[in-house]
Amino acid sequence: MGSDGTKRRVKGGERPKAGKGRVEGAGGREGLQGARGKDDRRTRIILSCIDVFSRTNYERATTAVLAREAGVAEGTIYKYFSSKKELFLACCRYIEEQLLQRYRAIYRDYREQPLESLKRVGQSYLDFIRENPTMRKFLAFVLNNSYDEDFMRELEEFFTINRLAVEEVIREAQRKGELKPSIDPKIAAWFFVGGYFTLILMAEMDEEAVNDPHFMDKYMAPLFS
């Protein structure tokens, strides 16, 4: 991964295109507009299923329930996804891609300011999970079900992509004198990316501290002081 963004290996078929969702899309907007063709129907199903999975559990969310909520026949689900698990993983990848698109733009725009790029990545993640409560709850669900090997593999890949990107940015910040050379880039990257899950918990608990305009500076201080 270069400092201009993150790269992602697609697993289990084509990654859904980013779009405005019926439930929630990037930036927290609701309503899928101008749906056209197969990709848009696939995205519409994914967005509906994110909502269903986030308010029930994996076992109770049968394909019949998922299809009904998406407004399609159950057989239509299988035209796009080989199984319920593949549909669930597609939901994971959709959210991941929304986040990665944000991160790529930040790394590109702030490549000469590595420490600032990390602050903005952290703030972007916090903004995303606050603006998209359904997707936030879905991510929390994935974390609580990491005992499943396929779910864990997907989570591990996304986590590793982010950790390696952050580690590289930390090294660049050290080369520029923005961070102390005594900081271990790998360990600091683990704490930074692991903090994504802390932010989910803080948002779920409506922690007042996240409303502080200087929150991200305070949040990062223990990591990089």
C-alpha atoms as a PDB file:
ATOM      1  CA  MET A   1       0.000   0.000   0.000  1.00  0.00           C
ATOM      2  CA  GLY A   2       1.382   3.384  -0.956  1.00  0.00           C
ATOM      3  CA  SER A   3       0.792   6.640   0.839  1.00  0.00           C
ATOM      4  CA  ASP A   4      -1.690   7.560  -1.880  1.00  0.00           C
ATOM      5  CA  GLY A   5      -4.253   5.095  -0.578  1.00  0.00           C
ATOM      6  CA  THR A   6      -5.150   1.529   0.208  1.00  0.00           C
ATOM      7  CA  LYS A   7      -5.527  -1.456  -2.088  1.00  0.00           C
ATOM      8  CA  ARG A   8      -7.947  -4.299  -1.665  1.00  0.00           C
ATOM      9  CA  ARG A   9      -8.057  -7.843  -3.000  1.00  0.00           C
ATOM     10  CA  VAL A  10     -11.641  -8.741  -3.851  1.00  0.00           C
ATOM     11  CA  LYS A  11     -12.857 -12.018  -2.430  1.00  0.00           C
ATOM     12  CA  GLY A  12     -15.947 -13.953  -3.302  1.00  0.00           C
ATOM     13  CA  GLY A  13     -16.882 -12.137  -6.479  1.00  0.00           C
ATOM     14  CA  GLU A  14     -17.202  -8.562  -7.621  1.00  0.00           C
ATOM     15  CA  ARG A  15     -17.241  -5.870  -4.969  1.00  0.00           C
ATOM     16  CA  PRO A  16     -20.452  -3.832  -5.020  1.00  0.00           C
ATOM     17  CA  LYS A  17     -20.191  -0.347  -6.408  1.00  0.00           C
ATOM     18  CA  ALA A  18     -20.534   2.537  -4.008  1.00  0.00           C
ATOM     19  CA  GLY A  19     -23.889   4.238  -4.187  1.00  0.00           C
ATOM     20  CA  LYS A  20     -26.595   5.997  -2.247  1.00  0.00           C
ATOM     21  CA  GLY A  21     -28.455   3.429  -0.211  1.00  0.00           C
ATOM     22  CA  ARG A  22     -32.076   2.931   0.697  1.00  0.00           C
ATOM     23  CA  VAL A  23     -30.957   2.406   4.263  1.00  0.00           C
ATOM     24  CA  GLU A  24     -27.716   4.370   4.607  1.00  0.00           C
ATOM     25  CA  GLY A  25     -24.880   5.125   2.246  1.00  0.00           C
ATOM     26  CA  ALA A  26     -21.541   6.852   2.585  1.00  0.00           C
ATOM     27  CA  GLY A  27     -22.116  10.179   4.283  1.00  0.00           C
ATOM     28  CA  GLY A  28     -25.280   9.006   6.061  1.00  0.00           C
ATOM     29  CA  ARG A  29     -27.730   9.747   3.226  1.00  0.00           C
ATOM     30  CA  GLU A  30     -30.810   7.611   2.835  1.00  0.00           C
ATOM     31  CA  GLY A  31     -32.608   6.722  -0.373  1.00  0.00           C
ATOM     32  CA  LEU A  32     -31.217   4.877  -3.370  1.00  0.00           C
ATOM     33  CA  GLN A  33     -31.765   7.193  -6.333  1.00  0.00           C
ATOM     34  CA  GLY A  34     -31.719   6.352 -10.008  1.00  0.00           C
ATOM     35  CA  ALA A  35     -31.258   2.611  -9.555  1.00  0.00           C
ATOM     36  CA  ARG A  36     -30.281   1.041 -12.842  1.00  0.00           C
ATOM     37  CA  GLY A  37     -29.602  -2.537 -13.793  1.00  0.00           C
ATOM     38  CA  LYS A  38     -28.114  -5.489 -12.036  1.00  0.00           C
ATOM     39  CA  ASP A  39     -25.451  -3.711  -9.969  1.00  0.00           C
ATOM     40  CA  ASP A  40     -27.980  -1.298  -8.499  1.00  0.00           C
ATOM     41  CA  ARG A  41     -30.362  -4.082  -7.538  1.00  0.00           C
ATOM     42  CA  ARG A  42     -27.472  -5.954  -5.943  1.00  0.00           C
ATOM     43  CA  THR A  43     -26.502  -2.832  -3.991  1.00  0.00           C
ATOM     44  CA  ARG A  44     -30.118  -2.273  -2.961  1.00  0.00           C
ATOM     45  CA  ILE A  45     -30.306  -5.820  -1.590  1.00  0.00           C
ATOM     46  CA  ILE A  46     -27.030  -5.341   0.291  1.00  0.00           C
ATOM     47  CA  LEU A  47     -28.182  -2.099   1.896  1.00  0.00           C
ATOM     48  CA  SER A  48     -31.467  -3.620   2.975  1.00  0.00           C
ATOM     49  CA  CYS A  49     -29.700  -6.652   4.424  1.00  0.00           C
ATOM     50  CA  ILE A  50     -27.253  -4.485   6.375  1.00  0.00           C
ATOM     51  CA  ASP A  51     -30.306  -3.017   8.063  1.00  0.00           C
ATOM     52  CA  VAL A  52     -31.821  -6.446   8.785  1.00  0.00           C
ATOM     53  CA  PHE A  53     -28.590  -7.973  10.097  1.00  0.00           C
ATOM     54  CA  SER A  54     -27.968  -4.946  12.320  1.00  0.00           C
ATOM     55  CA  ARG A  55     -31.303  -5.246  14.157  1.00  0.00           C
ATOM     56  CA  THR A  56     -31.598  -9.023  14.453  1.00  0.00           C
ATOM     57  CA  ASN A  57     -28.990 -11.784  14.379  1.00  0.00           C
ATOM     58  CA  TYR A  58     -27.433 -13.916  11.685  1.00  0.00           C
ATOM     59  CA  GLU A  59     -29.463 -17.019  12.499  1.00  0.00           C
ATOM     60  CA  ARG A  60     -32.842 -15.281  12.597  1.00  0.00           C
ATOM     61  CA  ALA A  61     -32.228 -13.357   9.403  1.00  0.00           C
ATOM     62  CA  THR A  62     -33.331 -16.092   7.009  1.00  0.00           C
ATOM     63  CA  THR A  63     -33.126 -15.563   3.263  1.00  0.00           C
ATOM     64  CA  ALA A  64     -36.927 -15.345   3.245  1.00  0.00           C
ATOM     65  CA  VAL A  65     -36.814 -12.477   5.740  1.00  0.00           C
ATOM     66  CA  LEU A  66     -33.948 -10.798   3.902  1.00  0.00           C
ATOM     67  CA  ALA A  67     -35.771 -11.041   0.585  1.00  0.00           C
ATOM     68  CA  ARG A  68     -39.025  -9.709   2.039  1.00  0.00           C
ATOM     69  CA  GLU A  69     -37.264  -6.717   3.592  1.00  0.00           C
ATOM     70  CA  ALA A  70     -35.452  -6.023   0.309  1.00  0.00           C
ATOM     71  CA  GLY A  71     -38.719  -6.228  -1.641  1.00  0.00           C
ATOM     72  CA  VAL A  72     -37.581  -9.094  -3.872  1.00  0.00           C
ATOM     73  CA  ALA A  73     -38.413 -12.766  -4.268  1.00  0.00           C
ATOM     74  CA  GLU A  74     -36.285 -15.180  -2.264  1.00  0.00           C
ATOM     75  CA  GLY A  75     -34.993 -16.693  -5.499  1.00  0.00           C
ATOM     76  CA  THR A  76     -33.685 -13.279  -6.511  1.00  0.00           C
ATOM     77  CA  ILE A  77     -31.288 -13.343  -3.567  1.00  0.00           C
ATOM     78  CA  TYR A  78     -29.640 -16.432  -5.029  1.00  0.00           C
ATOM     79  CA  LYS A  79     -29.208 -14.766  -8.417  1.00  0.00           C
ATOM     80  CA  TYR A  80     -26.691 -12.446  -6.799  1.00  0.00           C
ATOM     81  CA  PHE A  81     -25.344 -14.421  -3.841  1.00  0.00           C
ATOM     82  CA  SER A  82     -24.592 -18.129  -3.554  1.00  0.00           C
ATOM     83  CA  SER A  83     -25.634 -18.294   0.113  1.00  0.00           C
ATOM     84  CA  LYS A  84     -26.710 -16.204   3.078  1.00  0.00           C
ATOM     85  CA  LYS A  85     -23.122 -16.158   4.284  1.00  0.00           C
ATOM     86  CA  GLU A  86     -21.890 -14.796   0.961  1.00  0.00           C
ATOM     87  CA  LEU A  87     -24.561 -12.094   1.202  1.00  0.00           C
ATOM     88  CA  PHE A  88     -23.438 -11.250   4.732  1.00  0.00           C
ATOM     89  CA  LEU A  89     -19.815 -10.996   3.591  1.00  0.00           C
ATOM     90  CA  ALA A  90     -20.900  -8.782   0.700  1.00  0.00           C
ATOM     91  CA  CYS A  91     -22.471  -6.476   3.277  1.00  0.00           C
ATOM     92  CA  CYS A  92     -19.140  -6.386   5.131  1.00  0.00           C
ATOM     93  CA  ARG A  93     -17.255  -5.538   1.957  1.00  0.00           C
ATOM     94  CA  TYR A  94     -19.702  -2.822   1.013  1.00  0.00           C
ATOM     95  CA  ILE A  95     -19.126  -0.994   4.304  1.00  0.00           C
ATOM     96  CA  GLU A  96     -15.393  -1.597   4.120  1.00  0.00           C
ATOM     97  CA  GLU A  97     -15.251  -0.075   0.648  1.00  0.00           C
ATOM     98  CA  GLN A  98     -17.141   3.018   1.817  1.00  0.00           C
ATOM     99  CA  LEU A  99     -14.468   3.519   4.461  1.00  0.00           C
ATOM    100  CA  LEU A 100     -11.541   2.714   2.170  1.00  0.00           C
ATOM    101  CA  GLN A 101     -12.736   5.273  -0.373  1.00  0.00           C
ATOM    102  CA  ARG A 102     -12.620   7.913   2.338  1.00  0.00           C
ATOM    103  CA  TYR A 103      -9.179   6.836   3.499  1.00  0.00           C
ATOM    104  CA  ARG A 104      -7.713   6.804  -0.018  1.00  0.00           C
ATOM    105  CA  ALA A 105      -8.847  10.383  -0.579  1.00  0.00           C
ATOM    106  CA  ILE A 106      -7.308  11.514   2.722  1.00  0.00           C
ATOM    107  CA  TYR A 107      -3.988   9.754   2.124  1.00  0.00           C
ATOM    108  CA  ARG A 108      -3.855  11.283  -1.352  1.00  0.00           C
ATOM    109  CA  ASP A 109      -4.693  14.824  -0.230  1.00  0.00           C
ATOM    110  CA  TYR A 110      -2.430  14.805   2.834  1.00  0.00           C
ATOM    111  CA  ARG A 111       0.474  12.680   1.662  1.00  0.00           C
ATOM    112  CA  GLU A 112       2.892  15.455   2.648  1.00  0.00           C
ATOM    113  CA  GLN A 113       1.331  15.706   6.124  1.00  0.00           C
ATOM    114  CA  PRO A 114       1.360  12.148   7.470  1.00  0.00           C
ATOM    115  CA  LEU A 115       0.344  12.912  11.051  1.00  0.00           C
ATOM    116  CA  GLU A 116      -2.501  15.129   9.863  1.00  0.00           C
ATOM    117  CA  SER A 117      -3.651  12.360   7.539  1.00  0.00           C
ATOM    118  CA  LEU A 118      -3.921   9.968  10.488  1.00  0.00           C
ATOM    119  CA  LYS A 119      -6.003  12.472  12.440  1.00  0.00           C
ATOM    120  CA  ARG A 120      -8.284  12.931   9.475  1.00  0.00           C
ATOM    121  CA  VAL A 121      -8.620   9.182   8.918  1.00  0.00           C
ATOM    122  CA  GLY A 122      -9.614   8.744  12.556  1.00  0.00           C
ATOM    123  CA  GLN A 123     -12.086  11.622  12.346  1.00  0.00           C
ATOM    124  CA  SER A 124     -13.484  10.302   9.074  1.00  0.00           C
ATOM    125  CA  TYR A 125     -14.113   6.908  10.652  1.00  0.00           C
ATOM    126  CA  LEU A 126     -15.792   8.517  13.662  1.00  0.00           C
ATOM    127  CA  ASP A 127     -17.960  10.683  11.406  1.00  0.00           C
ATOM    128  CA  PHE A 128     -18.940   7.648   9.348  1.00  0.00           C
ATOM    129  CA  ILE A 129     -20.085   5.506  12.254  1.00  0.00           C
ATOM    130  CA  ARG A 130     -21.950   8.417  13.836  1.00  0.00           C
ATOM    131  CA  GLU A 131     -23.690   9.332  10.574  1.00  0.00           C
ATOM    132  CA  ASN A 132     -24.511   5.697   9.762  1.00  0.00           C
ATOM    133  CA  PRO A 133     -25.866   4.011  12.916  1.00  0.00           C
ATOM    134  CA  THR A 134     -27.153   0.996  10.983  1.00  0.00           C
ATOM    135  CA  MET A 135     -23.728   0.303   9.510  1.00  0.00           C
ATOM    136  CA  ARG A 136     -22.163   0.920  12.909  1.00  0.00           C
ATOM    137  CA  LYS A 137     -24.385  -1.703  14.484  1.00  0.00           C
ATOM    138  CA  PHE A 138     -23.574  -4.100  11.662  1.00  0.00           C
ATOM    139  CA  LEU A 139     -19.838  -3.663  12.313  1.00  0.00           C
ATOM    140  CA  ALA A 140     -20.434  -4.292  16.015  1.00  0.00           C
ATOM    141  CA  PHE A 141     -22.312  -7.464  15.070  1.00  0.00           C
ATOM    142  CA  VAL A 142     -19.349  -8.681  12.990  1.00  0.00           C
ATOM    143  CA  LEU A 143     -17.004  -8.096  15.913  1.00  0.00           C
ATOM    144  CA  ASN A 144     -19.251 -10.100  18.209  1.00  0.00           C
ATOM    145  CA  ASN A 145     -19.365 -12.991  15.761  1.00  0.00           C
ATOM    146  CA  SER A 146     -15.688 -13.279  14.909  1.00  0.00           C
ATOM    147  CA  TYR A 147     -15.772 -16.917  16.057  1.00  0.00           C
ATOM    148  CA  ASP A 148     -16.988 -17.736  12.552  1.00  0.00           C
ATOM    149  CA  GLU A 149     -13.897 -18.454  10.428  1.00  0.00           C
ATOM    150  CA  ASP A 150     -15.217 -16.668   7.337  1.00  0.00           C
ATOM    151  CA  PHE A 151     -16.287 -13.596   9.291  1.00  0.00           C
ATOM    152  CA  MET A 152     -12.933 -13.553  11.081  1.00  0.00           C
ATOM    153  CA  ARG A 153     -11.042 -13.870   7.798  1.00  0.00           C
ATOM    154  CA  GLU A 154     -12.910 -10.913   6.327  1.00  0.00           C
ATOM    155  CA  LEU A 155     -12.353  -8.833   9.466  1.00  0.00           C
ATOM    156  CA  GLU A 156      -8.679  -9.785   9.553  1.00  0.00           C
ATOM    157  CA  GLU A 157      -8.120  -8.749   5.943  1.00  0.00           C
ATOM    158  CA  PHE A 158      -9.760  -5.362   6.418  1.00  0.00           C
ATOM    159  CA  PHE A 159      -7.894  -4.833   9.677  1.00  0.00           C
ATOM    160  CA  THR A 160      -4.558  -5.772   8.070  1.00  0.00           C
ATOM    161  CA  ILE A 161      -5.057  -3.430   5.109  1.00  0.00           C
ATOM    162  CA  ASN A 162      -5.667  -0.563   7.508  1.00  0.00           C
ATOM    163  CA  ARG A 163      -2.880  -1.511   9.912  1.00  0.00           C
ATOM    164  CA  LEU A 164      -0.250  -1.703   7.171  1.00  0.00           C
ATOM    165  CA  ALA A 165      -1.388   1.633   5.726  1.00  0.00           C
ATOM    166  CA  VAL A 166      -1.232   3.310   9.142  1.00  0.00           C
ATOM    167  CA  GLU A 167       2.143   1.742   9.881  1.00  0.00           C
ATOM    168  CA  GLU A 168       3.565   3.192   6.673  1.00  0.00           C
ATOM    169  CA  VAL A 169       2.153   6.638   7.452  1.00  0.00           C
ATOM    170  CA  ILE A 170       3.662   6.511  10.957  1.00  0.00           C
ATOM    171  CA  ARG A 171       7.072   5.698   9.468  1.00  0.00           C
ATOM    172  CA  GLU A 172       6.718   8.631   7.098  1.00  0.00           C
ATOM    173  CA  ALA A 173       5.762  10.899  10.007  1.00  0.00           C
ATOM    174  CA  GLN A 174       8.927   9.764  11.793  1.00  0.00           C
ATOM    175  CA  ARG A 175      11.059  10.498   8.732  1.00  0.00           C
ATOM    176  CA  LYS A 176       9.588  14.009   8.644  1.00  0.00           C
ATOM    177  CA  GLY A 177      10.192  14.521  12.355  1.00  0.00           C
ATOM    178  CA  GLU A 178       6.485  14.668  13.225  1.00  0.00           C
ATOM    179  CA  LEU A 179       6.700  11.659  15.531  1.00  0.00           C
ATOM    180  CA  LYS A 180       9.406  10.437  17.876  1.00  0.00           C
ATOM    181  CA  PRO A 181      11.691   7.713  16.481  1.00  0.00           C
ATOM    182  CA  SER A 182      11.167   5.751  19.707  1.00  0.00           C
ATOM    183  CA  ILE A 183       7.557   4.967  18.730  1.00  0.00           C
ATOM    184  CA  ASP A 184       7.214   1.436  17.352  1.00  0.00           C
ATOM    185  CA  PRO A 185       5.241   1.880  14.077  1.00  0.00           C
ATOM    186  CA  LYS A 186       3.735  -1.599  14.111  1.00  0.00           C
ATOM    187  CA  ILE A 187       2.525  -1.464  17.699  1.00  0.00           C
ATOM    188  CA  ALA A 188       1.223   2.094  17.293  1.00  0.00           C
ATOM    189  CA  ALA A 189      -0.629   1.032  14.134  1.00  0.00           C
ATOM    190  CA  TRP A 190      -2.250  -1.855  16.022  1.00  0.00           C
ATOM    191  CA  PHE A 191      -3.486   0.539  18.700  1.00  0.00           C
ATOM    192  CA  PHE A 192      -4.703   3.077  16.161  1.00  0.00           C
ATOM    193  CA  VAL A 193      -6.711   0.623  14.061  1.00  0.00           C
ATOM    194  CA  GLY A 194      -7.850  -1.316  17.107  1.00  0.00           C
ATOM    195  CA  GLY A 195      -9.255   1.978  18.338  1.00  0.00           C
ATOM    196  CA  TYR A 196     -11.874   1.814  15.589  1.00  0.00           C
ATOM    197  CA  PHE A 197     -13.735  -0.658  17.779  1.00  0.00           C
ATOM    198  CA  THR A 198     -13.447   1.639  20.788  1.00  0.00           C
ATOM    199  CA  LEU A 199     -14.994   4.412  18.702  1.00  0.00           C
ATOM    200  CA  ILE A 200     -17.918   2.143  17.804  1.00  0.00           C
ATOM    201  CA  LEU A 201     -18.522   1.534  21.503  1.00  0.00           C
ATOM    202  CA  MET A 202     -18.257   5.232  22.322  1.00  0.00           C
ATOM    203  CA  ALA A 203     -20.744   6.092  19.572  1.00  0.00           C
ATOM    204  CA  GLU A 204     -23.138   3.331  20.666  1.00  0.00           C
ATOM    205  CA  MET A 205     -23.016   4.620  24.234  1.00  0.00           C
ATOM    206  CA  ASP A 206     -23.447   8.212  23.036  1.00  0.00           C
ATOM    207  CA  GLU A 207     -20.293   9.228  24.851  1.00  0.00           C
ATOM    208  CA  GLU A 208     -20.259  13.019  25.211  1.00  0.00           C
ATOM    209  CA  ALA A 209     -16.489  13.228  24.692  1.00  0.00           C
ATOM    210  CA  VAL A 210     -16.800  12.514  20.961  1.00  0.00           C
ATOM    211  CA  ASN A 211     -18.647  15.833  20.556  1.00  0.00           C
ATOM    212  CA  ASP A 212     -15.533  17.753  21.573  1.00  0.00           C
ATOM    213  CA  PRO A 213     -14.125  19.470  18.434  1.00  0.00           C
ATOM    214  CA  HIS A 214     -10.642  18.566  19.703  1.00  0.00           C
ATOM    215  CA  PHE A 215     -11.582  14.966  20.476  1.00  0.00           C
ATOM    216  CA  MET A 216      -9.347  13.358  17.844  1.00  0.00           C
ATOM    217  CA  ASP A 217      -6.272  15.250  19.048  1.00  0.00           C
ATOM    218  CA  LYS A 218      -6.961  14.075  22.594  1.00  0.00           C
ATOM    219  CA  TYR A 219      -7.740  10.553  21.383  1.00  0.00           C
ATOM    220  CA  MET A 220      -4.447  10.246  19.515  1.00  0.00           C
ATOM    221  CA  ALA A 221      -2.272  11.896  22.170  1.00  0.00           C
ATOM    222  CA  PRO A 222      -1.683   8.733  24.262  1.00  0.00           C
ATOM    223  CA  LEU A 223      -0.690   6.818  21.119  1.00  0.00           C
ATOM    224  CA  PHE A 224       1.873   9.234  19.746  1.00  0.00           C
ATOM    225  CA  SER A 225       3.108  11.235  22.729  1.00  0.00           C
END
